[in-house]
C-alpha cells in the first residue's frame, strides 16, 4: 500500500521559512518523480515544484522560483520542500504527489499524471 505522508506545515510570519517533508512508502520510487502542489481557500490546486527521484531534474512554478527548493533524501525515501521568504499568498494546503517519471520536466505541472497523493499539510503565512 503506497503512502505519502506530509509534515512540517504550520503558522509562520511573512518573510519566514518552513520545511515540508513527504515520507514515501509502499513501493520503490526510483523511477518516479515527486511533486508538491498547493490549494488555497477558494482556489484550484496548483503546481509548486517537482523533482525526478533518479536524475534530480527539478521544476518550479514561477511564483516560487528563487524562494522554494525541492530535494530528496534517497536513504530516507523522503522529499523536502524548503520554503524561504514566505508570503501571505503562499498560504495553502500543500500536497505531496508521485508520478511515473517521464522525459523532460514540462509535464511536472500536469496534475492528472500524478497517481499517488498525500493527505496534505496546512501552511499559513501571516502578514
Protein backbone atom coordinates (compact mmCIF):
# COMPACT_ATOMS: atom_id res chain seq x y z
CA UNK A 1 0.00 0.00 0.00
CA UNK A 2 1.55 3.26 -1.15
CA UNK A 3 1.59 6.06 1.40
CA UNK A 4 2.75 9.63 1.11
CA UNK A 5 2.76 11.41 4.45
CA UNK A 6 3.41 15.14 4.62
CA UNK A 7 4.61 17.00 7.68
CA UNK A 8 6.19 20.32 8.62
CA UNK A 9 3.34 22.71 7.97
CA UNK A 10 2.38 25.41 10.42
CA UNK A 11 1.95 29.11 11.07
CA UNK A 12 4.79 31.47 10.17
CA UNK A 13 5.18 35.21 9.73
CA UNK A 14 5.81 36.74 6.34
CA UNK A 15 9.48 36.52 5.47
CA UNK A 16 9.93 33.36 7.50
CA UNK A 17 10.80 29.81 6.47
CA UNK A 18 9.33 26.33 6.71
CA UNK A 19 10.50 22.94 5.52
CA UNK A 20 7.90 20.44 4.43
CA UNK A 21 8.65 16.72 4.37
CA UNK A 22 6.96 13.91 2.46
CA UNK A 23 7.75 10.38 3.58
CA UNK A 24 7.05 7.82 0.85
CA UNK A 25 6.48 4.12 1.43
CA UNK A 26 4.85 1.06 -0.06
CA UNK A 27 6.80 0.71 -3.30
CA UNK A 28 10.07 1.58 -4.98
CA UNK A 29 10.05 5.19 -6.14
CA UNK A 30 13.34 5.23 -8.03
CA UNK A 31 11.51 5.54 -11.38
CA UNK A 32 9.14 8.20 -10.10
CA UNK A 33 9.07 11.96 -9.90
CA UNK A 34 7.77 13.64 -6.77
CA UNK A 35 5.77 16.83 -6.83
CA UNK A 36 4.39 19.42 -4.46
CA UNK A 37 1.06 21.06 -5.18
CA UNK A 38 -0.95 23.52 -3.11
CA UNK A 39 -4.54 24.63 -2.78
CA UNK A 40 -5.56 27.92 -1.24
CA UNK A 41 -9.11 28.53 0.03
CA UNK A 42 -11.50 29.09 -2.86
CA UNK A 43 -8.85 28.35 -5.47
CA UNK A 44 -7.89 25.38 -7.63
CA UNK A 45 -4.95 23.21 -6.72
CA UNK A 46 -1.75 24.40 -8.40
CA UNK A 47 1.71 23.05 -9.11
CA UNK A 48 4.54 24.22 -6.87
CA UNK A 49 7.64 22.12 -7.56
CA UNK A 50 8.75 18.66 -8.64
CA UNK A 51 11.88 16.54 -8.77
CA UNK A 52 12.92 13.39 -10.58
CA UNK A 53 13.94 10.89 -7.95
CA UNK A 54 16.56 9.20 -10.10
CA UNK A 55 18.04 12.06 -12.08
CA UNK A 56 17.48 15.02 -9.83
CA UNK A 57 15.83 17.14 -12.54
CA UNK A 58 13.65 19.82 -10.96
CA UNK A 59 10.88 22.19 -11.94
CA UNK A 60 9.26 25.12 -10.18
CA UNK A 61 6.25 27.35 -10.56
CA UNK A 62 7.24 30.91 -11.44
CA UNK A 63 5.64 32.16 -8.24
CA UNK A 64 8.10 30.23 -6.04
CA UNK A 65 11.30 30.26 -8.10
CA UNK A 66 14.22 31.54 -6.09
CA UNK A 67 12.33 31.08 -2.79
CA UNK A 68 11.48 27.36 -2.65
CA UNK A 69 13.84 24.41 -3.09
CA UNK A 70 12.81 20.80 -3.61
CA UNK A 71 15.18 17.96 -2.70
CA UNK A 72 15.24 14.26 -1.88
CA UNK A 73 16.88 12.02 0.67
CA UNK A 74 17.01 8.62 -1.03
CA UNK A 75 18.10 6.83 2.11
CA UNK A 76 15.01 8.05 3.94
CA UNK A 77 12.64 7.87 0.93
CA UNK A 78 11.71 11.45 1.75
CA UNK A 79 11.12 14.55 -0.35
CA UNK A 80 11.56 18.01 1.10
CA UNK A 81 10.28 21.44 0.17
CA UNK A 82 12.34 24.22 1.72
CA UNK A 83 10.27 27.39 1.66
CA UNK A 84 12.02 30.71 2.32
CA UNK A 85 10.84 34.32 2.16
CA UNK A 86 7.28 33.18 2.66
CA UNK A 87 4.44 35.48 1.66
CA UNK A 88 0.80 35.56 2.77
CA UNK A 89 -0.16 34.36 -0.71
CA UNK A 90 1.75 31.13 -0.03
CA UNK A 91 -0.96 30.20 2.48
CA UNK A 92 -2.49 26.91 1.35
CA UNK A 93 -2.75 23.20 1.98
CA UNK A 94 0.36 21.63 0.49
CA UNK A 95 0.15 18.16 -1.06
CA UNK A 96 2.87 15.72 -1.97
CA UNK A 97 2.33 13.54 -5.05
CA UNK A 98 4.13 10.84 -7.03
CA UNK A 99 4.09 10.15 -10.76
CA UNK A 100 5.94 7.75 -13.02
CA UNK A 101 8.86 9.70 -14.40
CA UNK A 102 8.86 10.93 -17.98
CA UNK A 103 11.31 12.62 -20.30
CA UNK A 104 11.89 16.28 -19.59
CA UNK A 105 10.26 18.41 -16.95
CA UNK A 106 7.44 20.25 -18.69
CA UNK A 107 4.97 17.57 -17.65
CA UNK A 108 5.65 18.15 -13.93
CA UNK A 109 2.78 20.61 -13.60
CA UNK A 110 0.21 18.26 -15.14
CA UNK A 111 -1.78 17.22 -12.10
CA UNK A 112 -3.61 14.22 -13.56
CA UNK A 113 -0.31 12.45 -14.28
CA UNK A 114 0.28 12.02 -10.55
CA UNK A 115 -1.15 8.74 -9.32
CA UNK A 116 -0.39 8.91 -5.61
CA UNK A 117 -1.25 11.76 -3.26
CA UNK A 118 -0.71 12.60 0.39
CA UNK A 119 -3.33 13.99 2.72
CA UNK A 120 -1.89 17.50 2.78
CA UNK A 121 -0.37 19.80 5.37
CA UNK A 122 -1.54 23.33 6.16
CA UNK A 123 0.81 26.27 5.70
CA UNK A 124 -0.37 29.64 6.97
CA UNK A 125 1.68 32.80 6.45
CA UNK A 126 0.63 35.83 8.45
CA UNK A 127 1.30 39.38 7.31
